[in-house]
Amino acid sequence: MEISGPNSQKPEAKNDKTVSNVAKPAAVGAPTKSSAASKGQTDTVSLTDTAARLKELEMGLASQPVVDTQRVQSVQSAINDGSFEVDPDSVAEKMIDFETGLDETS
């Protein structure tokens, strides 16, 4: 079945994989060519105090260990010697808090 309409012409197959006249993205911090730059003006980027603080916190968290090995060892020791106790009320409360937090973010 052939469909006819304003755009019904078959496109010509092109094997040309070259791209021309496409600007390459500039490197971060590299000066850009614009009418403002040609007049001696430059674009600037500044971070807010909040963004700078977030970056600082991110760096601090990255340096922290993923697992608190001392806490893991103390729990393992308590399980092994039979002194580890589970507080079901505390576990239930934390599960409810977790679920509530998920509802607030969505």
PDB file of N, CA and C in Angstrom:
ATOM      1  N   MET A   1       0.851  -1.162   0.000  1.00  0.00           N
ATOM      2  CA  MET A   1       0.000   0.000   0.000  1.00  0.00           C
ATOM      3  C   MET A   1       0.900   1.230   0.000  1.00  0.00           C
ATOM      4  N   GLU A   2       0.591   2.185  -0.825  1.00  0.00           N
ATOM      5  CA  GLU A   2       1.378   3.402  -0.937  1.00  0.00           C
ATOM      6  C   GLU A   2       0.594   4.551  -0.339  1.00  0.00           C
ATOM      7  N   ILE A   3       1.265   5.349   0.453  1.00  0.00           N
ATOM      8  CA  ILE A   3       0.624   6.501   1.077  1.00  0.00           C
ATOM      9  C   ILE A   3       1.050   7.740   0.317  1.00  0.00           C
ATOM     10  N   SER A   4       0.082   8.551  -0.045  1.00  0.00           N
ATOM     11  CA  SER A   4       0.429   9.763  -0.770  1.00  0.00           C
ATOM     12  C   SER A   4       0.022  10.964   0.064  1.00  0.00           C
ATOM     13  N   GLY A   5       0.764  12.007  -0.047  1.00  0.00           N
ATOM     14  CA  GLY A   5       0.504  13.226   0.696  1.00  0.00           C
ATOM     15  C   GLY A   5       1.609  14.215   0.438  1.00  0.00           C
ATOM     16  N   PRO A   6       1.617  15.325   1.162  1.00  0.00           N
ATOM     17  CA  PRO A   6       2.624  16.353   0.889  1.00  0.00           C
ATOM     18  C   PRO A   6       4.056  15.897   1.133  1.00  0.00           C
ATOM     19  N   ASN A   7       4.266  14.948   2.036  1.00  0.00           N
ATOM     20  CA  ASN A   7       5.618  14.475   2.342  1.00  0.00           C
ATOM     21  C   ASN A   7       5.805  13.034   1.894  1.00  0.00           C
ATOM     22  N   SER A   8       5.161  12.644   0.825  1.00  0.00           N
ATOM     23  CA  SER A   8       5.176  11.244   0.417  1.00  0.00           C
ATOM     24  C   SER A   8       6.364  10.865  -0.452  1.00  0.00           C
ATOM     25  N   GLN A   9       7.224  11.795  -0.806  1.00  0.00           N
ATOM     26  CA  GLN A   9       8.374  11.474  -1.632  1.00  0.00           C
ATOM     27  C   GLN A   9       9.333  10.616  -0.830  1.00  0.00           C
ATOM     28  N   LYS A  10       9.907   9.625  -1.509  1.00  0.00           N
ATOM     29  CA  LYS A  10      10.859   8.752  -0.833  1.00  0.00           C
ATOM     30  C   LYS A  10      12.152   9.527  -0.600  1.00  0.00           C
ATOM     31  N   PRO A  11      12.675   9.471   0.604  1.00  0.00           N
ATOM     32  CA  PRO A  11      13.935  10.173   0.854  1.00  0.00           C
ATOM     33  C   PRO A  11      15.073   9.482   0.126  1.00  0.00           C
ATOM     34  N   GLU A  12      16.000  10.301  -0.349  1.00  0.00           N
ATOM     35  CA  GLU A  12      17.161   9.748  -1.026  1.00  0.00           C
ATOM     36  C   GLU A  12      18.112   9.187   0.018  1.00  0.00           C
ATOM     37  N   ALA A  13      18.653   8.044  -0.276  1.00  0.00           N
ATOM     38  CA  ALA A  13      19.605   7.430   0.652  1.00  0.00           C
ATOM     39  C   ALA A  13      20.911   8.195   0.580  1.00  0.00           C
ATOM     40  N   LYS A  14      21.401   8.594   1.718  1.00  0.00           N
ATOM     41  CA  LYS A  14      22.675   9.306   1.765  1.00  0.00           C
ATOM     42  C   LYS A  14      23.645   8.485   2.586  1.00  0.00           C
ATOM     43  N   ASN A  15      24.796   8.253   2.031  1.00  0.00           N
ATOM     44  CA  ASN A  15      25.834   7.514   2.734  1.00  0.00           C
ATOM     45  C   ASN A  15      26.905   8.442   3.269  1.00  0.00           C
ATOM     46  N   ASP A  16      26.727   9.737   3.071  1.00  0.00           N
ATOM     47  CA  ASP A  16      27.717  10.712   3.511  1.00  0.00           C
ATOM     48  C   ASP A  16      27.630  10.851   5.019  1.00  0.00           C
ATOM     49  N   LYS A  17      28.652  10.435   5.717  1.00  0.00           N
ATOM     50  CA  LYS A  17      28.675  10.494   7.175  1.00  0.00           C
ATOM     51  C   LYS A  17      29.422  11.711   7.698  1.00  0.00           C
ATOM     52  N   THR A  18      29.791  12.634   6.854  1.00  0.00           N
ATOM     53  CA  THR A  18      30.545  13.792   7.298  1.00  0.00           C
ATOM     54  C   THR A  18      29.609  14.856   7.855  1.00  0.00           C
ATOM     55  N   VAL A  19      30.126  15.609   8.763  1.00  0.00           N
ATOM     56  CA  VAL A  19      29.374  16.699   9.365  1.00  0.00           C
ATOM     57  C   VAL A  19      30.188  17.964   9.174  1.00  0.00           C
ATOM     58  N   SER A  20      29.529  18.990   8.682  1.00  0.00           N
ATOM     59  CA  SER A  20      30.242  20.244   8.489  1.00  0.00           C
ATOM     60  C   SER A  20      29.458  21.379   9.121  1.00  0.00           C
ATOM     61  N   ASN A  21      30.137  22.453   9.354  1.00  0.00           N
ATOM     62  CA  ASN A  21      29.535  23.650   9.933  1.00  0.00           C
ATOM     63  C   ASN A  21      28.864  23.396  11.289  1.00  0.00           C
ATOM     64  N   VAL A  22      29.454  22.527  12.060  1.00  0.00           N
ATOM     65  CA  VAL A  22      28.935  22.261  13.401  1.00  0.00           C
ATOM     66  C   VAL A  22      29.987  22.736  14.386  1.00  0.00           C
ATOM     67  N   ALA A  23      29.556  23.583  15.285  1.00  0.00           N
ATOM     68  CA  ALA A  23      30.490  24.108  16.268  1.00  0.00           C
ATOM     69  C   ALA A  23      30.790  23.051  17.309  1.00  0.00           C
ATOM     70  N   LYS A  24      32.036  22.892  17.633  1.00  0.00           N
ATOM     71  CA  LYS A  24      32.425  21.968  18.686  1.00  0.00           C
ATOM     72  C   LYS A  24      32.231  22.663  20.022  1.00  0.00           C
ATOM     73  N   PRO A  25      31.809  21.910  21.052  1.00  0.00           N
ATOM     74  CA  PRO A  25      31.635  22.544  22.357  1.00  0.00           C
ATOM     75  C   PRO A  25      32.977  23.009  22.905  1.00  0.00           C
ATOM     76  N   ALA A  26      32.953  24.131  23.558  1.00  0.00           N
ATOM     77  CA  ALA A  26      34.182  24.681  24.128  1.00  0.00           C
ATOM     78  C   ALA A  26      34.517  23.943  25.413  1.00  0.00           C
ATOM     79  N   ALA A  27      35.778  23.890  25.734  1.00  0.00           N
ATOM     80  CA  ALA A  27      36.212  23.282  26.980  1.00  0.00           C
ATOM     81  C   ALA A  27      35.739  24.157  28.135  1.00  0.00           C
ATOM     82  N   VAL A  28      35.543  23.521  29.268  1.00  0.00           N
ATOM     83  CA  VAL A  28      35.097  24.265  30.438  1.00  0.00           C
ATOM     84  C   VAL A  28      36.135  25.321  30.779  1.00  0.00           C
ATOM     85  N   GLY A  29      35.687  26.528  30.945  1.00  0.00           N
ATOM     86  CA  GLY A  29      36.577  27.623  31.294  1.00  0.00           C
ATOM     87  C   GLY A  29      37.250  28.273  30.097  1.00  0.00           C
ATOM     88  N   ALA A  30      37.054  27.694  28.910  1.00  0.00           N
ATOM     89  CA  ALA A  30      37.667  28.279  27.716  1.00  0.00           C
ATOM     90  C   ALA A  30      36.865  29.489  27.278  1.00  0.00           C
ATOM     91  N   PRO A  31      37.540  30.522  26.784  1.00  0.00           N
ATOM     92  CA  PRO A  31      36.806  31.698  26.318  1.00  0.00           C
ATOM     93  C   PRO A  31      35.966  31.334  25.104  1.00  0.00           C
ATOM     94  N   THR A  32      34.811  31.942  25.008  1.00  0.00           N
ATOM     95  CA  THR A  32      33.926  31.664  23.879  1.00  0.00           C
ATOM     96  C   THR A  32      33.973  32.823  22.912  1.00  0.00           C
ATOM     97  N   LYS A  33      33.722  32.527  21.651  1.00  0.00           N
ATOM     98  CA  LYS A  33      33.673  33.561  20.634  1.00  0.00           C
ATOM     99  C   LYS A  33      32.244  34.058  20.553  1.00  0.00           C
ATOM    100  N   SER A  34      32.069  35.306  20.833  1.00  0.00           N
ATOM    101  CA  SER A  34      30.747  35.906  20.722  1.00  0.00           C
ATOM    102  C   SER A  34      30.935  37.378  20.432  1.00  0.00           C
ATOM    103  N   SER A  35      29.839  38.047  20.160  1.00  0.00           N
ATOM    104  CA  SER A  35      29.957  39.473  19.886  1.00  0.00           C
ATOM    105  C   SER A  35      30.462  40.206  21.116  1.00  0.00           C
ATOM    106  N   ALA A  36      30.080  39.726  22.310  1.00  0.00           N
ATOM    107  CA  ALA A  36      30.555  40.350  23.543  1.00  0.00           C
ATOM    108  C   ALA A  36      32.056  40.144  23.701  1.00  0.00           C
ATOM    109  N   ALA A  37      32.539  38.937  23.360  1.00  0.00           N
ATOM    110  CA  ALA A  37      33.964  38.648  23.493  1.00  0.00           C
ATOM    111  C   ALA A  37      34.772  39.465  22.502  1.00  0.00           C
ATOM    112  N   SER A  38      34.219  39.700  21.317  1.00  0.00           N
ATOM    113  CA  SER A  38      34.960  40.464  20.329  1.00  0.00           C
ATOM    114  C   SER A  38      35.049  41.937  20.720  1.00  0.00           C
ATOM    115  N   LYS A  39      34.194  42.395  21.615  1.00  0.00           N
ATOM    116  CA  LYS A  39      34.226  43.776  22.087  1.00  0.00           C
ATOM    117  C   LYS A  39      35.054  43.919  23.365  1.00  0.00           C
ATOM    118  N   GLY A  40      35.759  42.864  23.736  1.00  0.00           N
ATOM    119  CA  GLY A  40      36.594  42.938  24.919  1.00  0.00           C
ATOM    120  C   GLY A  40      35.876  42.486  26.182  1.00  0.00           C
ATOM    121  N   GLN A  41      34.627  42.083  26.077  1.00  0.00           N
ATOM    122  CA  GLN A  41      33.893  41.609  27.237  1.00  0.00           C
ATOM    123  C   GLN A  41      34.014  40.082  27.302  1.00  0.00           C
ATOM    124  N   THR A  42      33.979  39.548  28.509  1.00  0.00           N
ATOM    125  CA  THR A  42      34.036  38.100  28.658  1.00  0.00           C
ATOM    126  C   THR A  42      32.881  37.638  29.519  1.00  0.00           C
ATOM    127  N   ASP A  43      32.473  36.408  29.295  1.00  0.00           N
ATOM    128  CA  ASP A  43      31.437  35.797  30.115  1.00  0.00           C
ATOM    129  C   ASP A  43      32.073  35.268  31.387  1.00  0.00           C
ATOM    130  N   THR A  44      31.365  35.384  32.481  1.00  0.00           N
ATOM    131  CA  THR A  44      31.882  34.860  33.744  1.00  0.00           C
ATOM    132  C   THR A  44      30.823  33.989  34.391  1.00  0.00           C
ATOM    133  N   VAL A  45      31.293  33.066  35.194  1.00  0.00           N
ATOM    134  CA  VAL A  45      30.415  32.187  35.951  1.00  0.00           C
ATOM    135  C   VAL A  45      30.823  32.297  37.406  1.00  0.00           C
ATOM    136  N   SER A  46      29.824  32.473  38.267  1.00  0.00           N
ATOM    137  CA  SER A  46      30.145  32.511  39.686  1.00  0.00           C
ATOM    138  C   SER A  46      29.199  31.581  40.426  1.00  0.00           C
ATOM    139  N   LEU A  47      29.713  30.944  41.444  1.00  0.00           N
ATOM    140  CA  LEU A  47      28.928  30.033  42.256  1.00  0.00           C
ATOM    141  C   LEU A  47      28.378  30.774  43.465  1.00  0.00           C
ATOM    142  N   THR A  48      27.176  30.442  43.833  1.00  0.00           N
ATOM    143  CA  THR A  48      26.611  31.024  45.035  1.00  0.00           C
ATOM    144  C   THR A  48      27.291  30.390  46.240  1.00  0.00           C
ATOM    145  N   ASP A  49      27.108  30.999  47.400  1.00  0.00           N
ATOM    146  CA  ASP A  49      27.662  30.424  48.624  1.00  0.00           C
ATOM    147  C   ASP A  49      27.105  29.029  48.864  1.00  0.00           C
ATOM    148  N   THR A  50      25.829  28.829  48.529  1.00  0.00           N
ATOM    149  CA  THR A  50      25.208  27.527  48.729  1.00  0.00           C
ATOM    150  C   THR A  50      25.860  26.485  47.843  1.00  0.00           C
ATOM    151  N   ALA A  51      26.104  26.804  46.589  1.00  0.00           N
ATOM    152  CA  ALA A  51      26.734  25.858  45.674  1.00  0.00           C
ATOM    153  C   ALA A  51      28.147  25.531  46.132  1.00  0.00           C
ATOM    154  N   ALA A  52      28.863  26.523  46.589  1.00  0.00           N
ATOM    155  CA  ALA A  52      30.223  26.291  47.076  1.00  0.00           C
ATOM    156  C   ALA A  52      30.192  25.403  48.315  1.00  0.00           C
ATOM    157  N   ARG A  53      29.235  25.635  49.193  1.00  0.00           N
ATOM    158  CA  ARG A  53      29.101  24.824  50.417  1.00  0.00           C
ATOM    159  C   ARG A  53      28.729  23.383  50.057  1.00  0.00           C
ATOM    160  N   LEU A  54      27.824  23.213  49.098  1.00  0.00           N
ATOM    161  CA  LEU A  54      27.446  21.869  48.662  1.00  0.00           C
ATOM    162  C   LEU A  54      28.649  21.123  48.090  1.00  0.00           C
ATOM    163  N   LYS A  55      29.461  21.817  47.327  1.00  0.00           N
ATOM    164  CA  LYS A  55      30.661  21.198  46.762  1.00  0.00           C
ATOM    165  C   LYS A  55      31.610  20.776  47.882  1.00  0.00           C
ATOM    166  N   GLU A  56      31.745  21.631  48.884  1.00  0.00           N
ATOM    167  CA  GLU A  56      32.602  21.323  50.029  1.00  0.00           C
ATOM    168  C   GLU A  56      32.073  20.097  50.777  1.00  0.00           C
ATOM    169  N   LEU A  57      30.772  20.027  50.988  1.00  0.00           N
ATOM    170  CA  LEU A  57      30.171  18.876  51.661  1.00  0.00           C
ATOM    171  C   LEU A  57      30.349  17.601  50.847  1.00  0.00           C
ATOM    172  N   GLU A  58      30.207  17.723  49.537  1.00  0.00           N
ATOM    173  CA  GLU A  58      30.392  16.567  48.660  1.00  0.00           C
ATOM    174  C   GLU A  58      31.810  16.019  48.784  1.00  0.00           C
ATOM    175  N   MET A  59      32.772  16.911  48.814  1.00  0.00           N
ATOM    176  CA  MET A  59      34.166  16.486  48.948  1.00  0.00           C
ATOM    177  C   MET A  59      34.391  15.810  50.303  1.00  0.00           C
ATOM    178  N   GLY A  60      33.780  16.359  51.355  1.00  0.00           N
ATOM    179  CA  GLY A  60      33.912  15.767  52.685  1.00  0.00           C
ATOM    180  C   GLY A  60      33.294  14.383  52.758  1.00  0.00           C
ATOM    181  N   LEU A  61      32.135  14.223  52.153  1.00  0.00           N
ATOM    182  CA  LEU A  61      31.478  12.917  52.163  1.00  0.00           C
ATOM    183  C   LEU A  61      32.264  11.893  51.353  1.00  0.00           C
ATOM    184  N   ALA A  62      32.869  12.339  50.282  1.00  0.00           N
ATOM    185  CA  ALA A  62      33.645  11.424  49.442  1.00  0.00           C
ATOM    186  C   ALA A  62      34.845  10.862  50.193  1.00  0.00           C
ATOM    187  N   SER A  63      35.342  11.601  51.177  1.00  0.00           N
ATOM    188  CA  SER A  63      36.510  11.137  51.922  1.00  0.00           C
ATOM    189  C   SER A  63      36.135  10.226  53.088  1.00  0.00           C
ATOM    190  N   GLN A  64      34.843  10.100  53.386  1.00  0.00           N
ATOM    191  CA  GLN A  64      34.395   9.241  54.481  1.00  0.00           C
ATOM    192  C   GLN A  64      34.297   7.791  54.021  1.00  0.00           C
ATOM    193  N   PRO A  65      34.569   6.852  54.923  1.00  0.00           N
ATOM    194  CA  PRO A  65      34.418   5.454  54.536  1.00  0.00           C
ATOM    195  C   PRO A  65      32.945   5.115  54.333  1.00  0.00           C
ATOM    196  N   VAL A  66      32.681   4.171  53.442  1.00  0.00           N
ATOM    197  CA  VAL A  66      31.317   3.780  53.123  1.00  0.00           C
ATOM    198  C   VAL A  66      30.696   3.017  54.287  1.00  0.00           C
ATOM    199  N   VAL A  67      31.496   2.235  54.988  1.00  0.00           N
ATOM    200  CA  VAL A  67      31.013   1.394  56.076  1.00  0.00           C
ATOM    201  C   VAL A  67      31.745   1.752  57.363  1.00  0.00           C
ATOM    202  N   ASP A  68      30.992   1.856  58.445  1.00  0.00           N
ATOM    203  CA  ASP A  68      31.585   2.077  59.766  1.00  0.00           C
ATOM    204  C   ASP A  68      32.023   0.712  60.294  1.00  0.00           C
ATOM    205  N   THR A  69      33.267   0.343  60.029  1.00  0.00           N
ATOM    206  CA  THR A  69      33.747  -0.995  60.366  1.00  0.00           C
ATOM    207  C   THR A  69      33.714  -1.264  61.863  1.00  0.00           C
ATOM    208  N   GLN A  70      33.932  -0.245  62.672  1.00  0.00           N
ATOM    209  CA  GLN A  70      33.894  -0.438  64.117  1.00  0.00           C
ATOM    210  C   GLN A  70      32.482  -0.811  64.569  1.00  0.00           C
ATOM    211  N   ARG A  71      31.481  -0.160  64.010  1.00  0.00           N
ATOM    212  CA  ARG A  71      30.088  -0.474  64.354  1.00  0.00           C
ATOM    213  C   ARG A  71      29.724  -1.880  63.885  1.00  0.00           C
ATOM    214  N   VAL A  72      30.164  -2.255  62.688  1.00  0.00           N
ATOM    215  CA  VAL A  72      29.884  -3.591  62.161  1.00  0.00           C
ATOM    216  C   VAL A  72      30.497  -4.654  63.055  1.00  0.00           C
ATOM    217  N   GLN A  73      31.723  -4.420  63.491  1.00  0.00           N
ATOM    218  CA  GLN A  73      32.397  -5.388  64.362  1.00  0.00           C
ATOM    219  C   GLN A  73      31.688  -5.520  65.706  1.00  0.00           C
ATOM    220  N   SER A  74      31.207  -4.396  66.254  1.00  0.00           N
ATOM    221  CA  SER A  74      30.522  -4.479  67.542  1.00  0.00           C
ATOM    222  C   SER A  74      29.186  -5.215  67.413  1.00  0.00           C
ATOM    223  N   VAL A  75      28.469  -5.024  66.312  1.00  0.00           N
ATOM    224  CA  VAL A  75      27.204  -5.747  66.099  1.00  0.00           C
ATOM    225  C   VAL A  75      27.491  -7.230  65.883  1.00  0.00           C
ATOM    226  N   GLN A  76      28.501  -7.553  65.089  1.00  0.00           N
ATOM    227  CA  GLN A  76      28.859  -8.958  64.874  1.00  0.00           C
ATOM    228  C   GLN A  76      29.222  -9.632  66.189  1.00  0.00           C
ATOM    229  N   SER A  77      29.979  -8.949  67.016  1.00  0.00           N
ATOM    230  CA  SER A  77      30.386  -9.484  68.312  1.00  0.00           C
ATOM    231  C   SER A  77      29.164  -9.733  69.198  1.00  0.00           C
ATOM    232  N   ALA A  78      28.229  -8.773  69.213  1.00  0.00           N
ATOM    233  CA  ALA A  78      27.020  -8.917  70.028  1.00  0.00           C
ATOM    234  C   ALA A  78      26.156 -10.072  69.521  1.00  0.00           C
ATOM    235  N   ILE A  79      26.079 -10.256  68.216  1.00  0.00           N
ATOM    236  CA  ILE A  79      25.308 -11.377  67.653  1.00  0.00           C
ATOM    237  C   ILE A  79      25.966 -12.698  68.041  1.00  0.00           C
ATOM    238  N   ASN A  80      27.290 -12.761  67.909  1.00  0.00           N
ATOM    239  CA  ASN A  80      28.018 -13.991  68.210  1.00  0.00           C
ATOM    240  C   ASN A  80      27.914 -14.401  69.676  1.00  0.00           C
ATOM    241  N   ASP A  81      27.948 -13.419  70.581  1.00  0.00           N
ATOM    242  CA  ASP A  81      27.878 -13.792  72.003  1.00  0.00           C
ATOM    243  C   ASP A  81      26.452 -13.794  72.548  1.00  0.00           C
ATOM    244  N   GLY A  82      25.471 -13.530  71.682  1.00  0.00           N
ATOM    245  CA  GLY A  82      24.071 -13.630  72.074  1.00  0.00           C
ATOM    246  C   GLY A  82      23.523 -12.430  72.814  1.00  0.00           C
ATOM    247  N   SER A  83      24.266 -11.344  72.854  1.00  0.00           N
ATOM    248  CA  SER A  83      23.800 -10.172  73.590  1.00  0.00           C
ATOM    249  C   SER A  83      23.098  -9.139  72.714  1.00  0.00           C
ATOM    250  N   PHE A  84      23.012  -9.407  71.423  1.00  0.00           N
ATOM    251  CA  PHE A  84      22.360  -8.461  70.516  1.00  0.00           C
ATOM    252  C   PHE A  84      20.851  -8.572  70.677  1.00  0.00           C
ATOM    253  N   GLU A  85      20.212  -7.443  70.946  1.00  0.00           N
ATOM    254  CA  GLU A  85      18.766  -7.438  71.128  1.00  0.00           C
ATOM    255  C   GLU A  85      18.139  -6.505  70.094  1.00  0.00           C
ATOM    256  N   VAL A  86      17.019  -6.951  69.533  1.00  0.00           N
ATOM    257  CA  VAL A  86      16.286  -6.156  68.563  1.00  0.00           C
ATOM    258  C   VAL A  86      15.109  -5.525  69.287  1.00  0.00           C
ATOM    259  N   ASP A  87      14.968  -4.209  69.154  1.00  0.00           N
ATOM    260  CA  ASP A  87      13.834  -3.498  69.733  1.00  0.00           C
ATOM    261  C   ASP A  87      12.789  -3.339  68.634  1.00  0.00           C
ATOM    262  N   PRO A  88      11.738  -4.178  68.640  1.00  0.00           N
ATOM    263  CA  PRO A  88      10.761  -4.141  67.549  1.00  0.00           C
ATOM    264  C   PRO A  88      10.052  -2.793  67.431  1.00  0.00           C
ATOM    265  N   ASP A  89       9.825  -2.106  68.537  1.00  0.00           N
ATOM    266  CA  ASP A  89       9.179  -0.787  68.476  1.00  0.00           C
ATOM    267  C   ASP A  89      10.065   0.221  67.745  1.00  0.00           C
ATOM    268  N   SER A  90      11.354   0.177  68.026  1.00  0.00           N
ATOM    269  CA  SER A  90      12.290   1.083  67.366  1.00  0.00           C
ATOM    270  C   SER A  90      12.375   0.784  65.871  1.00  0.00           C
ATOM    271  N   VAL A  91      12.434  -0.504  65.524  1.00  0.00           N
ATOM    272  CA  VAL A  91      12.499  -0.896  64.115  1.00  0.00           C
ATOM    273  C   VAL A  91      11.244  -0.434  63.391  1.00  0.00           C
ATOM    274  N   ALA A  92      10.074  -0.646  63.999  1.00  0.00           N
ATOM    275  CA  ALA A  92       8.805  -0.241  63.382  1.00  0.00           C
ATOM    276  C   ALA A  92       8.758   1.271  63.193  1.00  0.00           C
ATOM    277  N   GLU A  93       9.192   2.011  64.181  1.00  0.00           N
ATOM    278  CA  GLU A  93       9.197   3.480  64.097  1.00  0.00           C
ATOM    279  C   GLU A  93      10.097   3.968  62.963  1.00  0.00           C
ATOM    280  N   LYS A  94      11.268   3.363  62.844  1.00  0.00           N
ATOM    281  CA  LYS A  94      12.187   3.763  61.774  1.00  0.00           C
ATOM    282  C   LYS A  94      11.644   3.396  60.398  1.00  0.00           C
ATOM    283  N   MET A  95      10.949   2.278  60.289  1.00  0.00           N
ATOM    284  CA  MET A  95      10.329   1.897  59.011  1.00  0.00           C
ATOM    285  C   MET A  95       9.243   2.899  58.627  1.00  0.00           C
ATOM    286  N   ILE A  96       8.455   3.315  59.614  1.00  0.00           N
ATOM    287  CA  ILE A  96       7.396   4.301  59.356  1.00  0.00           C
ATOM    288  C   ILE A  96       8.009   5.631  58.940  1.00  0.00           C
ATOM    289  N   ASP A  97       9.050   6.059  59.635  1.00  0.00           N
ATOM    290  CA  ASP A  97       9.735   7.305  59.276  1.00  0.00           C
ATOM    291  C   ASP A  97      10.283   7.237  57.853  1.00  0.00           C
ATOM    292  N   PHE A  98      10.847   6.089  57.505  1.00  0.00           N
ATOM    293  CA  PHE A  98      11.406   5.909  56.164  1.00  0.00           C
ATOM    294  C   PHE A  98      10.317   6.012  55.113  1.00  0.00           C
ATOM    295  N   GLU A  99       9.216   5.313  55.329  1.00  0.00           N
ATOM    296  CA  GLU A  99       8.101   5.343  54.383  1.00  0.00           C
ATOM    297  C   GLU A  99       7.508   6.744  54.262  1.00  0.00           C
ATOM    298  N   THR A 100       7.398   7.432  55.370  1.00  0.00           N
ATOM    299  CA  THR A 100       6.877   8.801  55.365  1.00  0.00           C
ATOM    300  C   THR A 100       7.796   9.707  54.561  1.00  0.00           C
ATOM    301  N   GLY A 101       9.086   9.529  54.728  1.00  0.00           N
ATOM    302  CA  GLY A 101      10.056  10.320  53.979  1.00  0.00           C
ATOM    303  C   GLY A 101       9.972  10.067  52.489  1.00  0.00           C
ATOM    304  N   LEU A 102       9.698   8.826  52.101  1.00  0.00           N
ATOM    305  CA  LEU A 102       9.545   8.522  50.685  1.00  0.00           C
ATOM    306  C   LEU A 102       8.313   9.185  50.114  1.00  0.00           C
ATOM    307  N   ASP A 103       7.233   9.207  50.877  1.00  0.00           N
ATOM    308  CA  ASP A 103       6.004   9.845  50.403  1.00  0.00           C
ATOM    309  C   ASP A 103       6.193  11.337  50.208  1.00  0.00           C
ATOM    310  N   GLU A 104       6.992  11.971  51.050  1.00  0.00           N
ATOM    311  CA  GLU A 104       7.200  13.423  50.967  1.00  0.00           C
ATOM    312  C   GLU A 104       8.032  13.805  49.757  1.00  0.00           C
ATOM    313  N   THR A 105       8.922  12.933  49.307  1.00  0.00           N
ATOM    314  CA  THR A 105       9.796  13.279  48.180  1.00  0.00           C
ATOM    315  C   THR A 105       9.139  13.025  46.842  1.00  0.00           C
ATOM    316  N   SER A 106       8.069  12.252  46.801  1.00  0.00           N
ATOM    317  CA  SER A 106       7.453  11.987  45.502  1.00  0.00           C
ATOM    318  C   SER A 106       6.200  12.784  45.280  1.00  0.00           C
TER     319      SER A 106
END
